[in-house]
All heavy atoms as atom14 arrays in JSON, in Angstrom:
{
  "sequence": "WISNPAGRHAATDSADGVVMNPAGLVRMDDGVHLHFSSQSLYNPYKI",
  "atom14_mask": [
    [1, 1, 1, 1, 1, 1, 1, 1, 1, 1, 1, 1, 1, 1],
    [1, 1, 1, 1, 1, 1, 1, 1, 0, 0, 0, 0, 0, 0],
    [1, 1, 1, 1, 1, 1, 0, 0, 0, 0, 0, 0, 0, 0],
    [1, 1, 1, 1, 1, 1, 1, 1, 0, 0, 0, 0, 0, 0],
    [1, 1, 1, 1, 1, 1, 1, 0, 0, 0, 0, 0, 0, 0],
    [1, 1, 1, 1, 1, 0, 0, 0, 0, 0, 0, 0, 0, 0],
    [1, 1, 1, 1, 0, 0, 0, 0, 0, 0, 0, 0, 0, 0],
    [1, 1, 1, 1, 1, 1, 1, 1, 1, 1, 1, 0, 0, 0],
    [1, 1, 1, 1, 1, 1, 1, 1, 1, 1, 0, 0, 0, 0],
    [1, 1, 1, 1, 1, 0, 0, 0, 0, 0, 0, 0, 0, 0],
    [1, 1, 1, 1, 1, 0, 0, 0, 0, 0, 0, 0, 0, 0],
    [1, 1, 1, 1, 1, 1, 1, 0, 0, 0, 0, 0, 0, 0],
    [1, 1, 1, 1, 1, 1, 1, 1, 0, 0, 0, 0, 0, 0],
    [1, 1, 1, 1, 1, 1, 0, 0, 0, 0, 0, 0, 0, 0],
    [1, 1, 1, 1, 1, 0, 0, 0, 0, 0, 0, 0, 0, 0],
    [1, 1, 1, 1, 1, 1, 1, 1, 0, 0, 0, 0, 0, 0],
    [1, 1, 1, 1, 0, 0, 0, 0, 0, 0, 0, 0, 0, 0],
    [1, 1, 1, 1, 1, 1, 1, 0, 0, 0, 0, 0, 0, 0],
    [1, 1, 1, 1, 1, 1, 1, 0, 0, 0, 0, 0, 0, 0],
    [1, 1, 1, 1, 1, 1, 1, 1, 0, 0, 0, 0, 0, 0],
    [1, 1, 1, 1, 1, 1, 1, 1, 0, 0, 0, 0, 0, 0],
    [1, 1, 1, 1, 1, 1, 1, 0, 0, 0, 0, 0, 0, 0],
    [1, 1, 1, 1, 1, 0, 0, 0, 0, 0, 0, 0, 0, 0],
    [1, 1, 1, 1, 0, 0, 0, 0, 0, 0, 0, 0, 0, 0],
    [1, 1, 1, 1, 1, 1, 1, 1, 0, 0, 0, 0, 0, 0],
    [1, 1, 1, 1, 1, 1, 1, 0, 0, 0, 0, 0, 0, 0],
    [1, 1, 1, 1, 1, 1, 1, 1, 1, 1, 1, 0, 0, 0],
    [1, 1, 1, 1, 1, 1, 1, 1, 0, 0, 0, 0, 0, 0],
    [1, 1, 1, 1, 1, 1, 1, 1, 0, 0, 0, 0, 0, 0],
    [1, 1, 1, 1, 1, 1, 1, 1, 0, 0, 0, 0, 0, 0],
    [1, 1, 1, 1, 0, 0, 0, 0, 0, 0, 0, 0, 0, 0],
    [1, 1, 1, 1, 1, 1, 1, 0, 0, 0, 0, 0, 0, 0],
    [1, 1, 1, 1, 1, 1, 1, 1, 1, 1, 0, 0, 0, 0],
    [1, 1, 1, 1, 1, 1, 1, 1, 0, 0, 0, 0, 0, 0],
    [1, 1, 1, 1, 1, 1, 1, 1, 1, 1, 0, 0, 0, 0],
    [1, 1, 1, 1, 1, 1, 1, 1, 1, 1, 1, 0, 0, 0],
    [1, 1, 1, 1, 1, 1, 0, 0, 0, 0, 0, 0, 0, 0],
    [1, 1, 1, 1, 1, 1, 0, 0, 0, 0, 0, 0, 0, 0],
    [1, 1, 1, 1, 1, 1, 1, 1, 1, 0, 0, 0, 0, 0],
    [1, 1, 1, 1, 1, 1, 0, 0, 0, 0, 0, 0, 0, 0],
    [1, 1, 1, 1, 1, 1, 1, 1, 0, 0, 0, 0, 0, 0],
    [1, 1, 1, 1, 1, 1, 1, 1, 1, 1, 1, 1, 0, 0],
    [1, 1, 1, 1, 1, 1, 1, 1, 0, 0, 0, 0, 0, 0],
    [1, 1, 1, 1, 1, 1, 1, 0, 0, 0, 0, 0, 0, 0],
    [1, 1, 1, 1, 1, 1, 1, 1, 1, 1, 1, 1, 0, 0],
    [1, 1, 1, 1, 1, 1, 1, 1, 1, 0, 0, 0, 0, 0],
    [1, 1, 1, 1, 1, 1, 1, 1, 0, 0, 0, 0, 0, 0]
  ],
  "atom14_positions": [
    [[-37.59, 2.46, -32.97], [-36.38, 3.18, -32.58], [-35.13, 2.38, -32.97], [-34.13, 2.97, -33.4], [-36.38, 3.43, -31.07], [-35.25, 4.29, -30.59], [-35.25, 5.65, -30.45], [-33.94, 3.86, -30.21], [-34.02, 6.09, -30.0], [-33.2, 5.0, -29.85], [-33.32, 2.62, -30.15], [-31.88, 4.94, -29.41], [-32.0, 2.54, -29.71], [-31.3, 3.69, -29.35]],
    [[-35.17, 1.05, -32.83], [-34.05, 0.22, -33.24], [-33.76, 0.43, -34.73], [-32.61, 0.5, -35.15], [-34.34, -1.27, -32.95], [-34.44, -1.51, -31.44], [-33.28, -2.17, -33.57], [-33.18, -1.27, -30.68], [0.0, 0.0, 0.0], [0.0, 0.0, 0.0], [0.0, 0.0, 0.0], [0.0, 0.0, 0.0], [0.0, 0.0, 0.0], [0.0, 0.0, 0.0]],
    [[-34.8, 0.55, -35.53], [-34.64, 0.74, -36.98], [-34.02, 2.09, -37.32], [-33.3, 2.22, -38.31], [-35.99, 0.62, -37.68], [-36.54, -0.67, -37.49], [0.0, 0.0, 0.0], [0.0, 0.0, 0.0], [0.0, 0.0, 0.0], [0.0, 0.0, 0.0], [0.0, 0.0, 0.0], [0.0, 0.0, 0.0], [0.0, 0.0, 0.0], [0.0, 0.0, 0.0]],
    [[-34.32, 3.11, -36.51], [-33.8, 4.45, -36.76], [-33.75, 5.21, -35.43], [-34.74, 5.8, -35.0], [-34.69, 5.19, -37.75], [-34.2, 6.61, -38.02], [-33.18, 7.05, -37.49], [-34.94, 7.34, -38.84], [0.0, 0.0, 0.0], [0.0, 0.0, 0.0], [0.0, 0.0, 0.0], [0.0, 0.0, 0.0], [0.0, 0.0, 0.0], [0.0, 0.0, 0.0]],
    [[-32.59, 5.2, -34.73], [-32.51, 5.81, -33.4], [-32.65, 7.33, -33.4], [-32.74, 7.93, -32.34], [-31.11, 5.4, -32.92], [-30.35, 5.13, -34.16], [-31.33, 4.56, -35.13], [0.0, 0.0, 0.0], [0.0, 0.0, 0.0], [0.0, 0.0, 0.0], [0.0, 0.0, 0.0], [0.0, 0.0, 0.0], [0.0, 0.0, 0.0], [0.0, 0.0, 0.0]],
    [[-32.7, 7.94, -34.57], [-32.88, 9.4, -34.64], [-34.27, 9.79, -35.11], [-34.59, 10.98, -35.18], [-31.84, 9.99, -35.58], [0.0, 0.0, 0.0], [0.0, 0.0, 0.0], [0.0, 0.0, 0.0], [0.0, 0.0, 0.0], [0.0, 0.0, 0.0], [0.0, 0.0, 0.0], [0.0, 0.0, 0.0], [0.0, 0.0, 0.0], [0.0, 0.0, 0.0]],
    [[-35.12, 8.8, -35.43], [-36.34, 9.11, -36.14], [-37.64, 9.09, -35.37], [-38.71, 9.26, -35.95], [0.0, 0.0, 0.0], [0.0, 0.0, 0.0], [0.0, 0.0, 0.0], [0.0, 0.0, 0.0], [0.0, 0.0, 0.0], [0.0, 0.0, 0.0], [0.0, 0.0, 0.0], [0.0, 0.0, 0.0], [0.0, 0.0, 0.0], [0.0, 0.0, 0.0]],
    [[-37.6, 8.89, -34.03], [-38.86, 8.71, -33.31], [-39.29, 9.91, -32.47], [-40.45, 10.0, -32.08], [-38.77, 7.49, -32.39], [-38.44, 6.19, -33.1], [-39.3, 5.95, -34.32], [-40.74, 5.93, -33.99], [-41.7, 6.04, -34.9], [-41.41, 6.21, -36.18], [-42.96, 6.0, -34.52], [0.0, 0.0, 0.0], [0.0, 0.0, 0.0], [0.0, 0.0, 0.0]],
    [[-38.41, 10.82, -32.19], [-38.76, 11.9, -31.25], [-39.57, 13.01, -31.88], [-40.02, 13.92, -31.17], [-37.49, 12.44, -30.6], [-36.85, 11.45, -29.67], [-37.37, 11.15, -28.44], [-35.75, 10.67, -29.81], [-36.62, 10.23, -27.85], [-35.64, 9.92, -28.67], [0.0, 0.0, 0.0], [0.0, 0.0, 0.0], [0.0, 0.0, 0.0], [0.0, 0.0, 0.0]],
    [[-39.79, 12.94, -33.18], [-40.74, 13.86, -33.82], [-41.73, 13.09, -34.68], [-42.41, 13.67, -35.52], [-39.99, 14.88, -34.68], [0.0, 0.0, 0.0], [0.0, 0.0, 0.0], [0.0, 0.0, 0.0], [0.0, 0.0, 0.0], [0.0, 0.0, 0.0], [0.0, 0.0, 0.0], [0.0, 0.0, 0.0], [0.0, 0.0, 0.0], [0.0, 0.0, 0.0]],
    [[-41.82, 11.78, -34.46], [-42.72, 10.94, -35.25], [-44.16, 11.08, -34.76], [-44.42, 11.28, -33.57], [-42.28, 9.49, -35.19], [0.0, 0.0, 0.0], [0.0, 0.0, 0.0], [0.0, 0.0, 0.0], [0.0, 0.0, 0.0], [0.0, 0.0, 0.0], [0.0, 0.0, 0.0], [0.0, 0.0, 0.0], [0.0, 0.0, 0.0], [0.0, 0.0, 0.0]],
    [[-45.12, 10.94, -35.67], [-46.55, 11.03, -35.33], [-47.33, 9.88, -35.95], [-48.55, 9.97, -36.13], [-47.14, 12.36, -35.84], [-46.99, 12.43, -37.26], [-46.43, 13.55, -35.2], [0.0, 0.0, 0.0], [0.0, 0.0, 0.0], [0.0, 0.0, 0.0], [0.0, 0.0, 0.0], [0.0, 0.0, 0.0], [0.0, 0.0, 0.0], [0.0, 0.0, 0.0]],
    [[-46.64, 8.76, -36.25], [-47.28, 7.69, -37.02], [-47.5, 6.41, -36.23], [-47.99, 5.42, -36.79], [-46.42, 7.37, -38.25], [-45.02, 6.87, -37.88], [-44.61, 7.06, -36.71], [-44.33, 6.31, -38.75], [0.0, 0.0, 0.0], [0.0, 0.0, 0.0], [0.0, 0.0, 0.0], [0.0, 0.0, 0.0], [0.0, 0.0, 0.0], [0.0, 0.0, 0.0]],
    [[-47.15, 6.36, -34.94], [-47.26, 5.11, -34.19], [-47.49, 5.38, -32.72], [-47.1, 6.43, -32.18], [-45.98, 4.28, -34.38], [-45.99, 3.16, -33.51], [0.0, 0.0, 0.0], [0.0, 0.0, 0.0], [0.0, 0.0, 0.0], [0.0, 0.0, 0.0], [0.0, 0.0, 0.0], [0.0, 0.0, 0.0], [0.0, 0.0, 0.0], [0.0, 0.0, 0.0]],
    [[-48.09, 4.4, -32.05], [-48.37, 4.53, -30.62], [-47.12, 4.48, -29.76], [-47.18, 4.76, -28.56], [-49.35, 3.44, -30.17], [0.0, 0.0, 0.0], [0.0, 0.0, 0.0], [0.0, 0.0, 0.0], [0.0, 0.0, 0.0], [0.0, 0.0, 0.0], [0.0, 0.0, 0.0], [0.0, 0.0, 0.0], [0.0, 0.0, 0.0], [0.0, 0.0, 0.0]],
    [[-45.94, 4.14, -30.34], [-44.73, 4.21, -29.52], [-44.37, 5.65, -29.17], [-43.49, 5.91, -28.35], [-43.55, 3.49, -30.19], [-43.05, 4.19, -31.44], [-43.76, 5.05, -31.98], [-41.93, 3.85, -31.89], [0.0, 0.0, 0.0], [0.0, 0.0, 0.0], [0.0, 0.0, 0.0], [0.0, 0.0, 0.0], [0.0, 0.0, 0.0], [0.0, 0.0, 0.0]],
    [[-45.09, 6.61, -29.76], [-44.96, 8.01, -29.37], [-45.34, 8.25, -27.92], [-45.04, 9.31, -27.36], [0.0, 0.0, 0.0], [0.0, 0.0, 0.0], [0.0, 0.0, 0.0], [0.0, 0.0, 0.0], [0.0, 0.0, 0.0], [0.0, 0.0, 0.0], [0.0, 0.0, 0.0], [0.0, 0.0, 0.0], [0.0, 0.0, 0.0], [0.0, 0.0, 0.0]],
    [[-45.99, 7.29, -27.28], [-46.34, 7.38, -25.86], [-45.11, 7.74, -25.03], [-45.2, 8.5, -24.06], [-46.95, 6.04, -25.37], [-47.01, 5.99, -23.86], [-48.34, 5.86, -25.96], [0.0, 0.0, 0.0], [0.0, 0.0, 0.0], [0.0, 0.0, 0.0], [0.0, 0.0, 0.0], [0.0, 0.0, 0.0], [0.0, 0.0, 0.0], [0.0, 0.0, 0.0]],
    [[-43.93, 7.21, -25.4], [-42.72, 7.48, -24.64], [-41.74, 8.38, -25.38], [-40.74, 8.79, -24.8], [-42.01, 6.16, -24.24], [-42.78, 5.45, -23.15], [-41.81, 5.26, -25.45], [0.0, 0.0, 0.0], [0.0, 0.0, 0.0], [0.0, 0.0, 0.0], [0.0, 0.0, 0.0], [0.0, 0.0, 0.0], [0.0, 0.0, 0.0], [0.0, 0.0, 0.0]],
    [[-42.01, 8.72, -26.64], [-41.03, 9.5, -27.38], [-41.57, 10.83, -27.91], [-40.82, 11.78, -28.04], [-40.45, 8.65, -28.51], [-39.44, 7.63, -27.98], [-38.75, 6.52, -29.21], [-39.93, 5.18, -29.13], [0.0, 0.0, 0.0], [0.0, 0.0, 0.0], [0.0, 0.0, 0.0], [0.0, 0.0, 0.0], [0.0, 0.0, 0.0], [0.0, 0.0, 0.0]],
    [[-42.84, 10.91, -28.23], [-43.44, 12.17, -28.66], [-44.93, 12.15, -28.34], [-45.78, 12.07, -29.24], [-43.22, 12.4, -30.16], [-43.76, 13.75, -30.63], [-43.94, 14.67, -29.83], [-44.04, 13.86, -31.93], [0.0, 0.0, 0.0], [0.0, 0.0, 0.0], [0.0, 0.0, 0.0], [0.0, 0.0, 0.0], [0.0, 0.0, 0.0], [0.0, 0.0, 0.0]],
    [[-45.3, 12.23, -27.06], [-46.72, 12.11, -26.68], [-47.62, 13.14, -27.35], [-48.76, 12.82, -27.71], [-46.67, 12.3, -25.16], [-45.29, 11.91, -24.76], [-44.43, 12.34, -25.88], [0.0, 0.0, 0.0], [0.0, 0.0, 0.0], [0.0, 0.0, 0.0], [0.0, 0.0, 0.0], [0.0, 0.0, 0.0], [0.0, 0.0, 0.0], [0.0, 0.0, 0.0]],
    [[-47.13, 14.37, -27.51], [-47.98, 15.4, -28.12], [-48.3, 15.08, -29.57], [-49.32, 15.54, -30.11], [-47.29, 16.76, -28.02], [0.0, 0.0, 0.0], [0.0, 0.0, 0.0], [0.0, 0.0, 0.0], [0.0, 0.0, 0.0], [0.0, 0.0, 0.0], [0.0, 0.0, 0.0], [0.0, 0.0, 0.0], [0.0, 0.0, 0.0], [0.0, 0.0, 0.0]],
    [[-47.46, 14.29, -30.23], [-47.71, 13.91, -31.61], [-48.79, 12.87, -31.78], [-49.28, 12.64, -32.9], [0.0, 0.0, 0.0], [0.0, 0.0, 0.0], [0.0, 0.0, 0.0], [0.0, 0.0, 0.0], [0.0, 0.0, 0.0], [0.0, 0.0, 0.0], [0.0, 0.0, 0.0], [0.0, 0.0, 0.0], [0.0, 0.0, 0.0], [0.0, 0.0, 0.0]],
    [[-49.21, 12.23, -30.69], [-50.23, 11.17, -30.78], [-51.58, 11.71, -31.24], [-52.38, 10.97, -31.84], [-50.38, 10.49, -29.42], [-49.15, 9.71, -28.92], [-49.36, 9.26, -27.48], [-48.88, 8.5, -29.83], [0.0, 0.0, 0.0], [0.0, 0.0, 0.0], [0.0, 0.0, 0.0], [0.0, 0.0, 0.0], [0.0, 0.0, 0.0], [0.0, 0.0, 0.0]],
    [[-51.83, 12.97, -31.0], [-53.12, 13.54, -31.4], [-53.17, 13.8, -32.91], [-54.24, 14.13, -33.45], [-53.37, 14.84, -30.6], [-52.58, 16.0, -31.17], [-54.85, 15.16, -30.51], [0.0, 0.0, 0.0], [0.0, 0.0, 0.0], [0.0, 0.0, 0.0], [0.0, 0.0, 0.0], [0.0, 0.0, 0.0], [0.0, 0.0, 0.0], [0.0, 0.0, 0.0]],
    [[-52.05, 13.62, -33.6], [-52.01, 13.78, -35.05], [-52.31, 12.46, -35.78], [-52.35, 12.45, -37.01], [-50.63, 14.3, -35.48], [-50.28, 15.65, -34.86], [-51.31, 16.71, -35.19], [-51.05, 17.98, -34.5], [-51.85, 19.03, -34.56], [-52.98, 18.95, -35.28], [-51.55, 20.14, -33.92], [0.0, 0.0, 0.0], [0.0, 0.0, 0.0], [0.0, 0.0, 0.0]],
    [[-52.51, 11.38, -35.04], [-52.87, 10.11, -35.66], [-54.36, 10.12, -36.03], [-55.14, 10.99, -35.59], [-52.56, 8.96, -34.71], [-51.09, 8.85, -34.33], [-50.71, 7.45, -33.24], [-50.87, 6.08, -34.4], [0.0, 0.0, 0.0], [0.0, 0.0, 0.0], [0.0, 0.0, 0.0], [0.0, 0.0, 0.0], [0.0, 0.0, 0.0], [0.0, 0.0, 0.0]],
    [[-54.79, 9.14, -36.85], [-56.19, 9.04, -37.22], [-57.04, 8.67, -36.01], [-56.56, 8.08, -35.03], [-56.38, 7.96, -38.3], [-55.7, 8.34, -39.61], [-55.5, 9.55, -39.85], [-55.36, 7.41, -40.38], [0.0, 0.0, 0.0], [0.0, 0.0, 0.0], [0.0, 0.0, 0.0], [0.0, 0.0, 0.0], [0.0, 0.0, 0.0], [0.0, 0.0, 0.0]],
    [[-58.32, 9.0, -36.05], [-59.23, 8.61, -34.98], [-59.28, 7.09, -34.87], [-59.28, 6.36, -35.87], [-60.64, 9.14, -35.25], [-60.78, 10.62, -34.92], [-59.75, 11.23, -34.55], [-61.89, 11.16, -35.04], [0.0, 0.0, 0.0], [0.0, 0.0, 0.0], [0.0, 0.0, 0.0], [0.0, 0.0, 0.0], [0.0, 0.0, 0.0], [0.0, 0.0, 0.0]],
    [[-59.31, 6.61, -33.62], [-59.38, 5.18, -33.39], [-58.49, 4.77, -32.23], [-57.92, 5.61, -31.52], [0.0, 0.0, 0.0], [0.0, 0.0, 0.0], [0.0, 0.0, 0.0], [0.0, 0.0, 0.0], [0.0, 0.0, 0.0], [0.0, 0.0, 0.0], [0.0, 0.0, 0.0], [0.0, 0.0, 0.0], [0.0, 0.0, 0.0], [0.0, 0.0, 0.0]],
    [[-58.36, 3.46, -32.04], [-57.48, 2.9, -31.0], [-56.26, 2.3, -31.69], [-56.39, 1.41, -32.54], [-58.21, 1.82, -30.18], [-57.26, 1.2, -29.16], [-59.42, 2.42, -29.47], [0.0, 0.0, 0.0], [0.0, 0.0, 0.0], [0.0, 0.0, 0.0], [0.0, 0.0, 0.0], [0.0, 0.0, 0.0], [0.0, 0.0, 0.0], [0.0, 0.0, 0.0]],
    [[-55.1, 2.77, -31.32], [-53.85, 2.33, -31.93], [-53.04, 1.55, -30.89], [-52.76, 2.05, -29.79], [-53.05, 3.53, -32.41], [-53.78, 4.41, -33.36], [-53.73, 4.24, -34.73], [-54.62, 5.46, -33.14], [-54.48, 5.16, -35.31], [-55.04, 5.91, -34.37], [0.0, 0.0, 0.0], [0.0, 0.0, 0.0], [0.0, 0.0, 0.0], [0.0, 0.0, 0.0]],
    [[-52.64, 0.33, -31.25], [-51.85, -0.52, -30.36], [-50.49, -0.79, -31.0], [-50.38, -0.99, -32.22], [-52.55, -1.85, -30.11], [-53.95, -1.78, -29.5], [-54.54, -3.19, -29.38], [-53.93, -1.1, -28.14], [0.0, 0.0, 0.0], [0.0, 0.0, 0.0], [0.0, 0.0, 0.0], [0.0, 0.0, 0.0], [0.0, 0.0, 0.0], [0.0, 0.0, 0.0]],
    [[-49.45, -0.8, -30.16], [-48.11, -1.11, -30.63], [-47.46, -2.09, -29.65], [-47.43, -1.85, -28.44], [-47.24, 0.16, -30.71], [-45.8, -0.1, -31.05], [-45.28, 0.1, -32.3], [-44.77, -0.57, -30.3], [-44.01, -0.23, -32.31], [-43.67, -0.65, -31.09], [0.0, 0.0, 0.0], [0.0, 0.0, 0.0], [0.0, 0.0, 0.0], [0.0, 0.0, 0.0]],
    [[-46.92, -3.19, -30.2], [-46.17, -4.15, -29.4], [-44.8, -4.34, -30.02], [-44.67, -4.54, -31.23], [-46.89, -5.5, -29.34], [-46.06, -6.58, -28.67], [-46.01, -6.67, -27.29], [-45.32, -7.47, -29.43], [-45.22, -7.64, -26.67], [-44.54, -8.46, -28.83], [-44.5, -8.54, -27.44], [0.0, 0.0, 0.0], [0.0, 0.0, 0.0], [0.0, 0.0, 0.0]],
    [[-43.76, -4.28, -29.18], [-42.4, -4.53, -29.64], [-41.73, -5.55, -28.73], [-42.07, -5.66, -27.54], [-41.55, -3.24, -29.61], [-41.85, -2.39, -30.68], [0.0, 0.0, 0.0], [0.0, 0.0, 0.0], [0.0, 0.0, 0.0], [0.0, 0.0, 0.0], [0.0, 0.0, 0.0], [0.0, 0.0, 0.0], [0.0, 0.0, 0.0], [0.0, 0.0, 0.0]],
    [[-40.78, -6.28, -29.29], [-39.93, -7.15, -28.5], [-38.53, -7.08, -29.06], [-38.34, -7.02, -30.28], [-40.42, -8.59, -28.51], [-39.57, -9.41, -27.71], [0.0, 0.0, 0.0], [0.0, 0.0, 0.0], [0.0, 0.0, 0.0], [0.0, 0.0, 0.0], [0.0, 0.0, 0.0], [0.0, 0.0, 0.0], [0.0, 0.0, 0.0], [0.0, 0.0, 0.0]],
    [[-37.54, -7.09, -28.15], [-36.15, -6.99, -28.56], [-35.33, -8.13, -27.96], [-35.6, -8.59, -26.86], [-35.55, -5.66, -28.08], [-36.3, -4.45, -28.59], [-35.75, -3.17, -28.02], [-34.54, -3.02, -27.88], [-36.62, -2.24, -27.7], [0.0, 0.0, 0.0], [0.0, 0.0, 0.0], [0.0, 0.0, 0.0], [0.0, 0.0, 0.0], [0.0, 0.0, 0.0]],
    [[-34.35, -8.56, -28.7], [-33.37, -9.53, -28.23], [-31.99, -8.9, -28.4], [-31.69, -8.34, -29.46], [-33.45, -10.84, -29.02], [-34.73, -11.43, -28.87], [0.0, 0.0, 0.0], [0.0, 0.0, 0.0], [0.0, 0.0, 0.0], [0.0, 0.0, 0.0], [0.0, 0.0, 0.0], [0.0, 0.0, 0.0], [0.0, 0.0, 0.0], [0.0, 0.0, 0.0]],
    [[-31.17, -9.02, -27.36], [-29.89, -8.32, -27.35], [-28.75, -9.24, -26.99], [-28.82, -10.0, -26.03], [-29.94, -7.18, -26.32], [-28.63, -6.48, -25.98], [-28.22, -5.58, -27.12], [-28.76, -5.68, -24.7], [0.0, 0.0, 0.0], [0.0, 0.0, 0.0], [0.0, 0.0, 0.0], [0.0, 0.0, 0.0], [0.0, 0.0, 0.0], [0.0, 0.0, 0.0]],
    [[-27.69, -9.18, -27.79], [-26.42, -9.82, -27.45], [-25.45, -8.7, -27.1], [-25.04, -7.93, -27.97], [-25.89, -10.66, -28.6], [-24.5, -11.19, -28.35], [-24.26, -12.13, -27.35], [-23.42, -10.74, -29.11], [-22.98, -12.61, -27.1], [-22.14, -11.2, -28.87], [-21.93, -12.14, -27.87], [-20.65, -12.6, -27.62], [0.0, 0.0, 0.0], [0.0, 0.0, 0.0]],
    [[-25.11, -8.58, -25.82], [-24.35, -7.44, -25.34], [-23.23, -7.91, -24.42], [-23.37, -7.92, -23.21], [-25.29, -6.48, -24.59], [-24.64, -5.13, -24.35], [-23.55, -4.86, -24.82], [-25.32, -4.29, -23.6], [0.0, 0.0, 0.0], [0.0, 0.0, 0.0], [0.0, 0.0, 0.0], [0.0, 0.0, 0.0], [0.0, 0.0, 0.0], [0.0, 0.0, 0.0]],
    [[-22.1, -8.35, -24.98], [-21.03, -8.9, -24.14], [-20.29, -7.82, -23.34], [-20.24, -6.66, -23.73], [-20.1, -9.54, -25.17], [-20.33, -8.77, -26.42], [-21.78, -8.38, -26.41], [0.0, 0.0, 0.0], [0.0, 0.0, 0.0], [0.0, 0.0, 0.0], [0.0, 0.0, 0.0], [0.0, 0.0, 0.0], [0.0, 0.0, 0.0], [0.0, 0.0, 0.0]],
    [[-19.76, -8.24, -22.21], [-18.94, -7.39, -21.35], [-17.58, -8.06, -21.17], [-17.48, -9.28, -21.13], [-19.57, -7.22, -19.97], [-20.83, -6.38, -19.92], [-22.02, -6.84, -20.46], [-20.82, -5.14, -19.31], [-23.17, -6.08, -20.4], [-21.97, -4.37, -19.23], [-23.15, -4.85, -19.78], [-24.29, -4.1, -19.72], [0.0, 0.0, 0.0], [0.0, 0.0, 0.0]],
    [[-16.55, -7.22, -20.98], [-15.22, -7.77, -20.74], [-14.45, -6.86, -19.8], [-14.5, -5.63, -19.93], [-14.46, -7.92, -22.06], [-13.17, -8.72, -21.95], [-12.57, -8.99, -23.32], [-11.36, -9.9, -23.23], [-10.78, -10.19, -24.57], [0.0, 0.0, 0.0], [0.0, 0.0, 0.0], [0.0, 0.0, 0.0], [0.0, 0.0, 0.0], [0.0, 0.0, 0.0]],
    [[-13.76, -7.45, -18.83], [-12.93, -6.71, -17.87], [-11.52, -7.25, -17.96], [-11.3, -8.46, -17.87], [-13.45, -6.87, -16.43], [-14.92, -6.47, -16.33], [-12.61, -6.05, -15.46], [-15.55, -6.8, -14.99], [0.0, 0.0, 0.0], [0.0, 0.0, 0.0], [0.0, 0.0, 0.0], [0.0, 0.0, 0.0], [0.0, 0.0, 0.0], [0.0, 0.0, 0.0]]
  ]
}
């Protein structure tokens, strides 16, 4: 999603569809698919 914030809600190519397009998961190949992501964020605030 970080790579393309518009491209995951109709995607059928990865297990991250668990939270973005669950119905598309059945279009993947037979087998067990695992996905791990990690993010680091620099997000400053100012008042």
